[in-house]
Protein backbone atom coordinates (compact mmCIF):
# COMPACT_ATOMS: atom_id res chain seq x y z
CA MET A 1 -7.04 -83.63 -6.11
CA SER A 2 -3.31 -83.61 -6.68
CA LYS A 3 -0.84 -82.07 -4.32
CA MET A 4 0.01 -79.46 -6.98
CA ASN A 5 -3.62 -78.36 -7.32
CA ILE A 6 -3.96 -78.01 -3.56
CA ILE A 7 -0.91 -75.73 -3.46
CA LEU A 8 -2.22 -73.62 -6.40
CA ASN A 9 -5.65 -73.19 -4.80
CA LYS A 10 -3.99 -72.17 -1.55
CA TYR A 11 -1.99 -69.41 -3.27
CA ILE A 12 -5.02 -68.24 -5.27
CA GLY A 13 -6.95 -67.86 -2.01
CA ILE A 14 -4.15 -65.87 -0.39
CA LEU A 15 -3.91 -63.52 -3.43
CA ALA A 16 -7.68 -62.99 -3.38
CA VAL A 17 -7.60 -61.99 0.30
CA ILE A 18 -4.71 -59.56 -0.34
CA GLY A 19 -6.60 -58.06 -3.31
CA LEU A 20 -9.71 -57.46 -1.24
CA SER A 21 -7.65 -55.87 1.52
CA ILE A 22 -5.92 -53.47 -0.89
CA GLY A 23 -9.23 -52.56 -2.53
CA GLY A 24 -10.86 -51.87 0.80
CA PHE A 25 -7.94 -49.72 1.95
CA SER A 26 -7.96 -47.75 -1.29
CA CYS A 27 -11.69 -46.99 -1.06
CA GLU A 28 -11.41 -45.98 2.57
CA SER A 29 -8.51 -43.61 1.86
CA GLU A 30 -10.34 -42.02 -1.03
CA GLY A 31 -13.41 -41.46 1.12
CA ASP A 32 -11.34 -39.81 3.85
CA SER A 33 -9.85 -37.28 1.37
CA VAL A 34 -13.23 -35.81 0.41
CA GLY A 35 -13.58 -32.25 1.71
CA ILE A 36 -9.90 -31.75 2.55
CA SER A 37 -9.23 -29.52 -0.49
CA THR A 38 -11.09 -26.18 -0.21
CA VAL A 39 -11.06 -22.84 -2.04
CA THR A 40 -10.80 -19.52 -0.21
CA TYR A 41 -11.50 -16.13 -1.75
CA PHE A 42 -9.35 -13.30 -0.42
CA PRO A 43 -11.02 -9.91 0.07
CA THR A 44 -10.99 -7.69 -3.01
CA PHE A 45 -11.34 -3.92 -2.79
CA GLU A 46 -12.84 -1.44 -5.24
CA LEU A 47 -12.45 2.15 -4.06
CA THR A 48 -15.42 4.28 -5.05
CA ASP A 49 -13.31 7.40 -5.71
CA GLY A 50 -10.12 5.65 -6.80
CA GLU A 51 -6.74 5.34 -5.11
CA ASN A 52 -5.95 9.07 -5.30
CA VAL A 53 -8.41 11.79 -4.30
CA VAL A 54 -7.95 15.57 -4.27
CA ILE A 55 -10.36 17.82 -2.39
CA ALA A 56 -10.40 21.52 -1.52
CA THR A 57 -10.41 22.58 2.10
CA GLY A 58 -13.95 22.57 3.48
CA SER A 59 -15.13 19.96 0.97
CA ALA A 60 -16.68 16.79 2.28
CA PHE A 61 -14.91 13.46 1.95
CA THR A 62 -16.71 10.21 2.65
CA PRO A 63 -14.60 7.04 2.42
CA SER A 64 -16.33 4.38 0.38
CA ALA A 65 -15.34 1.01 -1.04
CA THR A 66 -16.94 -2.18 -2.29
CA VAL A 67 -15.28 -5.17 -0.64
CA LYS A 68 -16.07 -8.72 -1.70
CA GLU A 69 -15.20 -12.30 -0.85
CA GLY A 70 -15.97 -13.92 -4.19
CA GLU A 71 -19.53 -12.72 -4.83
CA THR A 72 -20.25 -12.02 -1.16
CA GLU A 73 -20.01 -8.41 0.00
CA LEU A 74 -18.03 -7.65 3.15
CA THR A 75 -18.18 -4.62 5.43
CA PRO A 76 -14.69 -3.12 5.71
CA ASP A 77 -13.09 -1.48 8.71
CA ILE A 78 -12.00 2.05 7.76
CA VAL A 79 -9.28 4.20 9.27
CA ASN A 80 -9.96 7.73 8.05
CA PRO A 81 -7.55 10.44 9.31
CA VAL A 82 -8.61 13.06 6.75
CA ASN A 83 -8.91 16.59 8.13
CA ASN A 84 -10.62 18.61 5.43
CA SER A 85 -9.77 21.91 7.13
CA THR A 86 -5.99 21.37 6.96
CA PRO A 87 -4.01 20.95 3.72
CA GLY A 88 -2.15 17.67 3.84
CA ILE A 89 -1.53 14.20 2.47
CA TYR A 90 -3.74 11.67 4.23
CA GLU A 91 -3.85 7.89 3.94
CA VAL A 92 -7.19 6.13 4.36
CA ILE A 93 -6.97 2.38 5.10
CA TYR A 94 -9.71 -0.12 4.25
CA SER A 95 -9.39 -3.63 5.71
CA ALA A 96 -11.48 -6.81 5.96
CA GLU A 97 -11.24 -10.53 6.67
CA ASN A 98 -12.82 -13.33 4.67
CA SER A 99 -14.83 -16.17 6.21
CA ASP A 100 -11.64 -18.23 6.66
CA GLY A 101 -9.97 -15.45 8.63
CA TYR A 102 -7.60 -14.28 5.90
CA PRO A 103 -7.10 -10.48 5.98
CA GLY A 104 -6.80 -7.97 3.17
CA SER A 105 -6.37 -4.21 2.97
CA LYS A 106 -6.22 -1.31 0.55
CA SER A 107 -4.96 2.24 0.99
CA GLN A 108 -6.24 5.47 -0.53
CA GLN A 109 -4.37 8.77 -0.69
CA VAL A 110 -6.45 11.88 -0.03
CA ILE A 111 -4.87 15.26 -0.73
CA VAL A 112 -6.44 18.33 0.84
CA TYR A 113 -5.41 21.73 -0.55
CA ASN A 114 -6.51 25.34 -0.16
CA PRO A 115 -7.35 26.82 -3.58
CA ALA A 116 -7.31 30.36 -2.16
CA ILE A 117 -3.53 30.22 -1.64
CA VAL A 118 -1.46 31.59 -4.51
CA ALA A 119 1.83 29.74 -4.92
CA THR A 120 5.20 30.56 -6.39
CA ASP A 121 5.99 28.02 -9.07
CA VAL A 122 8.98 26.01 -7.84
CA THR A 123 8.82 23.10 -10.29
CA GLY A 124 12.11 21.93 -11.73
CA ASN A 125 15.16 19.75 -11.23
CA ILE A 126 17.26 20.32 -8.10
CA ALA A 127 20.58 19.06 -6.75
CA ASP A 128 22.19 19.05 -3.31
CA ILE A 129 24.71 21.90 -3.13
CA GLY A 130 27.06 19.81 -0.98
CA ARG A 131 26.53 16.56 -2.88
CA PRO A 132 25.43 17.27 -6.48
CA GLU A 133 24.87 13.56 -7.12
CA ARG A 134 21.84 13.79 -4.80
CA LYS A 135 19.10 15.04 -7.10
CA GLY A 136 15.34 15.59 -7.00
CA VAL A 137 12.50 16.59 -9.27
CA ILE A 138 9.81 18.98 -8.04
CA SER A 139 6.39 18.82 -9.68
CA LEU A 140 2.96 20.30 -9.00
CA VAL A 141 0.56 17.69 -7.62
CA PRO A 142 -2.19 17.17 -10.24
CA GLY A 143 -5.53 18.66 -9.23
CA THR A 144 -3.96 21.23 -6.90
CA THR A 145 -2.63 24.75 -7.44
CA ASN A 146 -0.09 25.00 -4.64
CA ILE A 147 1.00 21.57 -3.40
CA PHE A 148 4.29 20.24 -4.74
CA PHE A 149 6.00 16.87 -4.62
CA CYS A 150 9.76 16.38 -4.65
CA THR A 151 11.17 12.94 -5.40
CA ASP A 152 14.08 13.41 -2.97
CA MET A 153 15.04 16.05 -0.41
CA ALA A 154 17.15 14.17 2.16
CA PHE A 155 19.15 11.05 3.03
CA ALA A 156 20.60 9.05 0.13
CA GLY A 157 18.17 9.73 -2.66
CA VAL A 158 15.11 8.11 -1.12
CA PHE A 159 13.28 10.81 0.85
CA PRO A 160 10.21 12.08 -1.03
CA LEU A 161 8.51 15.19 0.33
CA TYR A 162 5.20 16.99 -0.15
CA PHE A 163 5.00 20.69 0.62
CA MET A 164 2.79 23.69 -0.01
CA MET A 165 3.94 27.05 -1.37
CA ASP A 166 2.10 30.07 0.06
CA GLY A 167 3.68 32.70 -2.13
CA ASP A 168 7.41 32.21 -1.43
CA ASN A 169 6.72 30.54 1.91
CA MET A 170 7.50 26.81 1.85
CA ILE A 171 5.28 24.83 4.23
CA VAL A 172 5.68 21.11 4.90
CA ILE A 173 2.15 19.74 5.16
CA PRO A 174 0.98 16.71 7.23
CA GLN A 175 2.13 13.43 5.68
CA SER A 176 3.80 10.13 6.54
CA PHE A 177 7.61 10.22 6.55
CA VAL A 178 10.11 7.38 6.12
CA PHE A 179 13.18 6.44 8.21
CA GLY A 180 11.59 7.42 11.53
CA VAL A 181 11.41 11.11 10.60
CA THR A 182 8.77 12.91 12.67
CA SER A 183 8.95 16.39 11.18
CA VAL A 184 10.74 18.43 8.53
CA ASP A 185 11.78 22.08 8.69
CA ALA A 186 11.93 23.66 5.25
CA SER A 187 12.38 27.07 3.66
CA TYR A 188 12.79 28.55 0.20
CA ASP A 189 14.97 31.53 -0.73
CA PRO A 190 13.35 33.21 -3.75
CA VAL A 191 16.43 35.36 -4.43
CA ALA A 192 19.03 32.59 -4.40
CA LYS A 193 16.38 30.06 -5.50
CA THR A 194 17.58 27.52 -2.95
CA PHE A 195 15.82 25.14 -0.58
CA SER A 196 16.95 24.43 2.99
CA ILE A 197 15.80 21.18 4.61
CA THR A 198 16.28 19.76 8.12
CA VAL A 199 14.88 16.37 9.09
CA ASN A 200 13.97 15.65 12.71
CA PRO A 201 14.80 14.11 15.11
CA GLN A 202 17.99 13.19 13.21
CA GLY A 203 18.92 16.84 12.68
CA PHE A 204 20.35 16.22 9.21
CA ALA A 205 20.47 19.42 7.11
CA TYR A 206 20.49 19.78 3.33
CA ASN A 207 20.60 22.64 0.84
CA PHE A 208 19.36 22.32 -2.72
CA GLN A 209 19.56 24.54 -5.78
CA TYR A 210 18.21 24.28 -9.31
CA GLU A 211 20.37 22.52 -11.84
């Protein structure tokens, strides 16, 4: 065998060894990757009575929702603050975790009103007497006869407020407030047709009239 053939055979052998090594490494890496990629299904919530519920005082309310992880049903934790003897805006929270520990939640608004109370109709567009650029729209909450919602009644145009009218008496009902407000004092003057609002604990006062 010539010297040239010996050299060629030597290089062919080296290339074959390298090829086997690369092939073995590739197969091993591919095997190790199996099972690394997984799919998780986050909890989905279907509220039995929908996201907004209106009930009369004294009526029963039972929170209910179907919660699933893919096709598997989960049992949700429920925070239910509804007091069906007191008119108010209540938020019910449903929450659950899937099998991988990922959480999910859904909220439901429950409005309790007293149909025996006869309200003065105060719907309309209002503006701050001191700052006319601050405006709000008052509307009757659907499904009720005496609970109203105003798009803005304080701060810089971002303070919504629910209240009940018992005749001409304006009553702020239980609800969640923004900006750290804990309570709101409110009154309506049926002669001047004005609204007086004070937010607490800030103590900011506002007066609104119809446009």
